[in-house]
PDB file of all heavy atoms in Angstrom:
ATOM      1  N   GLY A   1      -2.441 -10.703  -2.865  1.00  0.00           N
ATOM      2  CA  GLY A   1      -1.184 -11.250  -2.569  1.00  0.00           C
ATOM      3  C   GLY A   1      -0.357 -10.477  -1.744  1.00  0.00           C
ATOM      4  O   GLY A   1       0.579  -9.816  -2.141  1.00  0.00           O
ATOM      5  N   LEU A   2      -0.508 -10.511  -0.387  1.00  0.00           N
ATOM      6  CA  LEU A   2       0.068  -9.607   0.553  1.00  0.00           C
ATOM      7  C   LEU A   2       1.464 -10.031   1.063  1.00  0.00           C
ATOM      8  O   LEU A   2       2.115  -9.333   1.776  1.00  0.00           O
ATOM      9  CB  LEU A   2      -0.808  -9.314   1.739  1.00  0.00           C
ATOM     10  CG  LEU A   2      -2.235  -8.851   1.448  1.00  0.00           C
ATOM     11  CD1 LEU A   2      -3.089  -8.495   2.587  1.00  0.00           C
ATOM     12  CD2 LEU A   2      -2.154  -7.592   0.575  1.00  0.00           C
ATOM     13  N   GLY A   3       1.752 -11.242   0.666  1.00  0.00           N
ATOM     14  CA  GLY A   3       3.046 -11.785   1.174  1.00  0.00           C
ATOM     15  C   GLY A   3       2.792 -12.980   2.102  1.00  0.00           C
ATOM     16  O   GLY A   3       1.641 -13.186   2.661  1.00  0.00           O
ATOM     17  N   THR A   4       3.783 -13.694   2.313  1.00  0.00           N
ATOM     18  CA  THR A   4       3.694 -14.960   2.984  1.00  0.00           C
ATOM     19  C   THR A   4       3.035 -14.856   4.433  1.00  0.00           C
ATOM     20  O   THR A   4       2.157 -15.515   4.705  1.00  0.00           O
ATOM     21  CB  THR A   4       5.080 -15.644   3.186  1.00  0.00           C
ATOM     22  OG1 THR A   4       5.595 -15.864   1.918  1.00  0.00           O
ATOM     23  CG2 THR A   4       4.915 -17.003   3.864  1.00  0.00           C
ATOM     24  N   VAL A   5       3.590 -13.940   5.210  1.00  0.00           N
ATOM     25  CA  VAL A   5       3.136 -13.793   6.603  1.00  0.00           C
ATOM     26  C   VAL A   5       1.714 -13.249   6.626  1.00  0.00           C
ATOM     27  O   VAL A   5       0.755 -13.732   7.348  1.00  0.00           O
ATOM     28  CB  VAL A   5       4.020 -12.905   7.438  1.00  0.00           C
ATOM     29  CG1 VAL A   5       3.544 -12.758   8.754  1.00  0.00           C
ATOM     30  CG2 VAL A   5       5.493 -13.529   7.509  1.00  0.00           C
ATOM     31  N   ALA A   6       1.313 -12.127   5.868  1.00  0.00           N
ATOM     32  CA  ALA A   6       0.122 -11.586   5.830  1.00  0.00           C
ATOM     33  C   ALA A   6      -1.049 -12.480   5.211  1.00  0.00           C
ATOM     34  O   ALA A   6      -2.048 -12.602   5.796  1.00  0.00           O
ATOM     35  CB  ALA A   6       0.158 -10.222   4.983  1.00  0.00           C
ATOM     36  N   ASP A   7      -0.568 -13.216   4.146  1.00  0.00           N
ATOM     37  CA  ASP A   7      -1.488 -14.155   3.613  1.00  0.00           C
ATOM     38  C   ASP A   7      -1.831 -15.229   4.537  1.00  0.00           C
ATOM     39  O   ASP A   7      -3.012 -15.816   4.551  1.00  0.00           O
ATOM     40  CB  ASP A   7      -0.911 -14.674   2.404  1.00  0.00           C
ATOM     41  CG  ASP A   7      -1.138 -13.650   1.221  1.00  0.00           C
ATOM     42  OD1 ASP A   7      -1.837 -12.745   1.320  1.00  0.00           O
ATOM     43  OD2 ASP A   7      -0.354 -13.896   0.180  1.00  0.00           O
ATOM     44  N   ALA A   8      -0.863 -15.663   5.346  1.00  0.00           N
ATOM     45  CA  ALA A   8      -1.053 -16.696   6.362  1.00  0.00           C
ATOM     46  C   ALA A   8      -2.119 -16.317   7.336  1.00  0.00           C
ATOM     47  O   ALA A   8      -2.947 -17.116   7.875  1.00  0.00           O
ATOM     48  CB  ALA A   8       0.269 -17.217   7.033  1.00  0.00           C
ATOM     49  N   VAL A   9      -2.038 -15.021   7.791  1.00  0.00           N
ATOM     50  CA  VAL A   9      -3.013 -14.514   8.656  1.00  0.00           C
ATOM     51  C   VAL A   9      -4.471 -14.660   8.121  1.00  0.00           C
ATOM     52  O   VAL A   9      -5.494 -15.049   8.667  1.00  0.00           O
ATOM     53  CB  VAL A   9      -2.731 -13.033   9.060  1.00  0.00           C
ATOM     54  CG1 VAL A   9      -3.890 -12.439   9.961  1.00  0.00           C
ATOM     55  CG2 VAL A   9      -1.441 -12.964   9.784  1.00  0.00           C
ATOM     56  N   LEU A  10      -4.611 -14.180   6.918  1.00  0.00           N
ATOM     57  CA  LEU A  10      -5.887 -14.093   6.249  1.00  0.00           C
ATOM     58  C   LEU A  10      -6.315 -15.533   6.058  1.00  0.00           C
ATOM     59  O   LEU A  10      -7.500 -15.881   6.276  1.00  0.00           O
ATOM     60  CB  LEU A  10      -5.797 -13.407   4.886  1.00  0.00           C
ATOM     61  CG  LEU A  10      -5.486 -11.931   5.003  1.00  0.00           C
ATOM     62  CD1 LEU A  10      -5.380 -11.232   3.573  1.00  0.00           C
ATOM     63  CD2 LEU A  10      -6.595 -11.214   5.926  1.00  0.00           C
ATOM     64  N   ASP A  11      -5.515 -16.430   5.597  1.00  0.00           N
ATOM     65  CA  ASP A  11      -5.865 -17.833   5.420  1.00  0.00           C
ATOM     66  C   ASP A  11      -6.303 -18.547   6.748  1.00  0.00           C
ATOM     67  O   ASP A  11      -7.099 -19.465   6.805  1.00  0.00           O
ATOM     68  CB  ASP A  11      -4.652 -18.709   4.713  1.00  0.00           C
ATOM     69  CG  ASP A  11      -4.586 -18.247   3.306  1.00  0.00           C
ATOM     70  OD1 ASP A  11      -5.366 -17.542   2.711  1.00  0.00           O
ATOM     71  OD2 ASP A  11      -3.361 -18.466   2.818  1.00  0.00           O
ATOM     72  N   GLY A  12      -5.720 -18.092   7.842  1.00  0.00           N
ATOM     73  CA  GLY A  12      -5.953 -18.664   9.139  1.00  0.00           C
ATOM     74  C   GLY A  12      -7.204 -18.295   9.723  1.00  0.00           C
ATOM     75  O   GLY A  12      -7.730 -18.850  10.706  1.00  0.00           O
ATOM     76  N   LEU A  13      -8.010 -17.383   9.209  1.00  0.00           N
ATOM     77  CA  LEU A  13      -9.278 -16.963   9.672  1.00  0.00           C
ATOM     78  C   LEU A  13     -10.361 -18.019   9.337  1.00  0.00           C
ATOM     79  O   LEU A  13     -10.570 -18.264   8.184  1.00  0.00           O
ATOM     80  CB  LEU A  13      -9.753 -15.671   9.040  1.00  0.00           C
ATOM     81  CG  LEU A  13      -8.778 -14.369   9.459  1.00  0.00           C
ATOM     82  CD1 LEU A  13      -9.238 -13.226   8.588  1.00  0.00           C
ATOM     83  CD2 LEU A  13      -8.969 -14.087  10.992  1.00  0.00           C
ATOM     84  N   SER A  14     -10.850 -18.628  10.307  1.00  0.00           N
ATOM     85  CA  SER A  14     -11.861 -19.804  10.233  1.00  0.00           C
ATOM     86  C   SER A  14     -13.224 -19.245  10.478  1.00  0.00           C
ATOM     87  O   SER A  14     -13.489 -18.684  11.577  1.00  0.00           O
ATOM     88  CB  SER A  14     -11.427 -20.848  11.114  1.00  0.00           C
ATOM     89  OG  SER A  14     -12.583 -21.726  11.357  1.00  0.00           O
ATOM     90  N   PRO A  15     -14.137 -19.604   9.516  1.00  0.00           N
ATOM     91  CA  PRO A  15     -15.513 -19.152   9.787  1.00  0.00           C
ATOM     92  C   PRO A  15     -16.084 -19.678  11.146  1.00  0.00           C
ATOM     93  O   PRO A  15     -16.828 -19.052  11.879  1.00  0.00           O
ATOM     94  CB  PRO A  15     -16.221 -19.752   8.604  1.00  0.00           C
ATOM     95  CG  PRO A  15     -15.345 -19.842   7.482  1.00  0.00           C
ATOM     96  CD  PRO A  15     -13.979 -20.075   8.189  1.00  0.00           C
ATOM     97  N   ASN A  16     -15.687 -20.978  11.429  1.00  0.00           N
ATOM     98  CA  ASN A  16     -16.249 -21.632  12.696  1.00  0.00           C
ATOM     99  C   ASN A  16     -15.692 -20.885  13.767  1.00  0.00           C
ATOM    100  O   ASN A  16     -16.529 -20.623  14.824  1.00  0.00           O
ATOM    101  CB  ASN A  16     -15.876 -23.042  12.743  1.00  0.00           C
ATOM    102  CG  ASN A  16     -16.635 -23.893  11.714  1.00  0.00           C
ATOM    103  OD1 ASN A  16     -17.667 -23.572  11.214  1.00  0.00           O
ATOM    104  ND2 ASN A  16     -16.094 -25.002  11.406  1.00  0.00           N
ATOM    105  N   HIS A  17     -14.429 -20.434  13.890  1.00  0.00           N
ATOM    106  CA  HIS A  17     -13.902 -19.781  15.075  1.00  0.00           C
ATOM    107  C   HIS A  17     -14.421 -18.324  15.148  1.00  0.00           C
ATOM    108  O   HIS A  17     -14.798 -17.876  16.246  1.00  0.00           O
ATOM    109  CB  HIS A  17     -12.410 -19.733  15.034  1.00  0.00           C
ATOM    110  CG  HIS A  17     -11.789 -19.051  16.171  1.00  0.00           C
ATOM    111  ND1 HIS A  17     -11.667 -19.615  17.344  1.00  0.00           N
ATOM    112  CD2 HIS A  17     -11.078 -17.868  16.227  1.00  0.00           C
ATOM    113  CE1 HIS A  17     -11.037 -18.759  18.157  1.00  0.00           C
ATOM    114  NE2 HIS A  17     -10.671 -17.657  17.476  1.00  0.00           N
ATOM    115  N   VAL A  18     -14.570 -17.761  13.971  1.00  0.00           N
ATOM    116  CA  VAL A  18     -15.158 -16.417  14.049  1.00  0.00           C
ATOM    117  C   VAL A  18     -16.497 -16.449  14.476  1.00  0.00           C
ATOM    118  O   VAL A  18     -16.937 -15.581  15.440  1.00  0.00           O
ATOM    119  CB  VAL A  18     -15.106 -15.795  12.591  1.00  0.00           C
ATOM    120  CG1 VAL A  18     -15.950 -14.543  12.500  1.00  0.00           C
ATOM    121  CG2 VAL A  18     -13.623 -15.480  12.226  1.00  0.00           C
ATOM    122  N   ARG A  19     -17.261 -17.332  14.100  1.00  0.00           N
ATOM    123  CA  ARG A  19     -18.780 -17.480  14.565  1.00  0.00           C
ATOM    124  C   ARG A  19     -18.757 -17.663  16.091  1.00  0.00           C
ATOM    125  O   ARG A  19     -19.684 -17.262  16.842  1.00  0.00           O
ATOM    126  CB  ARG A  19     -19.520 -18.526  13.791  1.00  0.00           C
ATOM    127  CG  ARG A  19     -19.812 -18.128  12.414  1.00  0.00           C
ATOM    128  CD  ARG A  19     -20.520 -19.351  11.727  1.00  0.00           C
ATOM    129  NE  ARG A  19     -20.850 -18.987  10.371  1.00  0.00           N
ATOM    130  CZ  ARG A  19     -21.812 -18.458   9.882  1.00  0.00           C
ATOM    131  NH1 ARG A  19     -22.756 -17.970  10.724  1.00  0.00           N
ATOM    132  NH2 ARG A  19     -22.064 -18.032   8.688  1.00  0.00           N
ATOM    133  N   ALA A  20     -17.849 -18.508  16.555  1.00  0.00           N
ATOM    134  CA  ALA A  20     -17.825 -18.863  17.945  1.00  0.00           C
ATOM    135  C   ALA A  20     -17.442 -17.624  18.905  1.00  0.00           C
ATOM    136  O   ALA A  20     -18.048 -17.411  19.869  1.00  0.00           O
ATOM    137  CB  ALA A  20     -16.801 -20.000  18.182  1.00  0.00           C
ATOM    138  N   VAL A  21     -16.490 -16.708  18.313  1.00  0.00           N
ATOM    139  CA  VAL A  21     -16.190 -15.503  19.009  1.00  0.00           C
ATOM    140  C   VAL A  21     -17.400 -14.623  19.069  1.00  0.00           C
ATOM    141  O   VAL A  21     -17.670 -14.061  20.183  1.00  0.00           O
ATOM    142  CB  VAL A  21     -14.935 -14.850  18.466  1.00  0.00           C
ATOM    143  CG1 VAL A  21     -14.660 -13.493  19.086  1.00  0.00           C
ATOM    144  CG2 VAL A  21     -13.614 -15.776  18.629  1.00  0.00           C
ATOM    145  N   VAL A  22     -18.017 -14.405  17.966  1.00  0.00           N
ATOM    146  CA  VAL A  22     -19.109 -13.548  17.804  1.00  0.00           C
ATOM    147  C   VAL A  22     -20.291 -14.107  18.714  1.00  0.00           C
ATOM    148  O   VAL A  22     -20.999 -13.307  19.348  1.00  0.00           O
ATOM    149  CB  VAL A  22     -19.655 -13.449  16.390  1.00  0.00           C
ATOM    150  CG1 VAL A  22     -20.978 -12.735  16.265  1.00  0.00           C
ATOM    151  CG2 VAL A  22     -18.586 -12.825  15.479  1.00  0.00           C
ATOM    152  N   ALA A  23     -20.485 -15.407  18.784  1.00  0.00           N
ATOM    153  CA  ALA A  23     -21.536 -15.930  19.719  1.00  0.00           C
ATOM    154  C   ALA A  23     -21.317 -15.542  21.150  1.00  0.00           C
ATOM    155  O   ALA A  23     -22.161 -15.291  21.912  1.00  0.00           O
ATOM    156  CB  ALA A  23     -21.601 -17.394  19.479  1.00  0.00           C
ATOM    157  N   ARG A  24     -20.011 -15.648  21.573  1.00  0.00           N
ATOM    158  CA  ARG A  24     -19.577 -15.240  22.895  1.00  0.00           C
ATOM    159  C   ARG A  24     -19.812 -13.815  23.162  1.00  0.00           C
ATOM    160  O   ARG A  24     -20.236 -13.446  24.188  1.00  0.00           O
ATOM    161  CB  ARG A  24     -18.160 -15.661  23.194  1.00  0.00           C
ATOM    162  CG  ARG A  24     -17.902 -17.117  23.194  1.00  0.00           C
ATOM    163  CD  ARG A  24     -16.337 -17.394  23.250  1.00  0.00           C
ATOM    164  NE  ARG A  24     -15.888 -17.099  24.530  1.00  0.00           N
ATOM    165  CZ  ARG A  24     -14.516 -17.248  24.813  1.00  0.00           C
ATOM    166  NH1 ARG A  24     -13.724 -17.790  23.798  1.00  0.00           N
ATOM    167  NH2 ARG A  24     -14.041 -16.887  25.952  1.00  0.00           N
TER     168      ARG A  24
END
């Protein structure tokens, strides 16, 4: 529970986007 802003960053991490960046 890191707080509203920090938690929003963590929640915003999408497996699909992360995989796309790694693939590039």
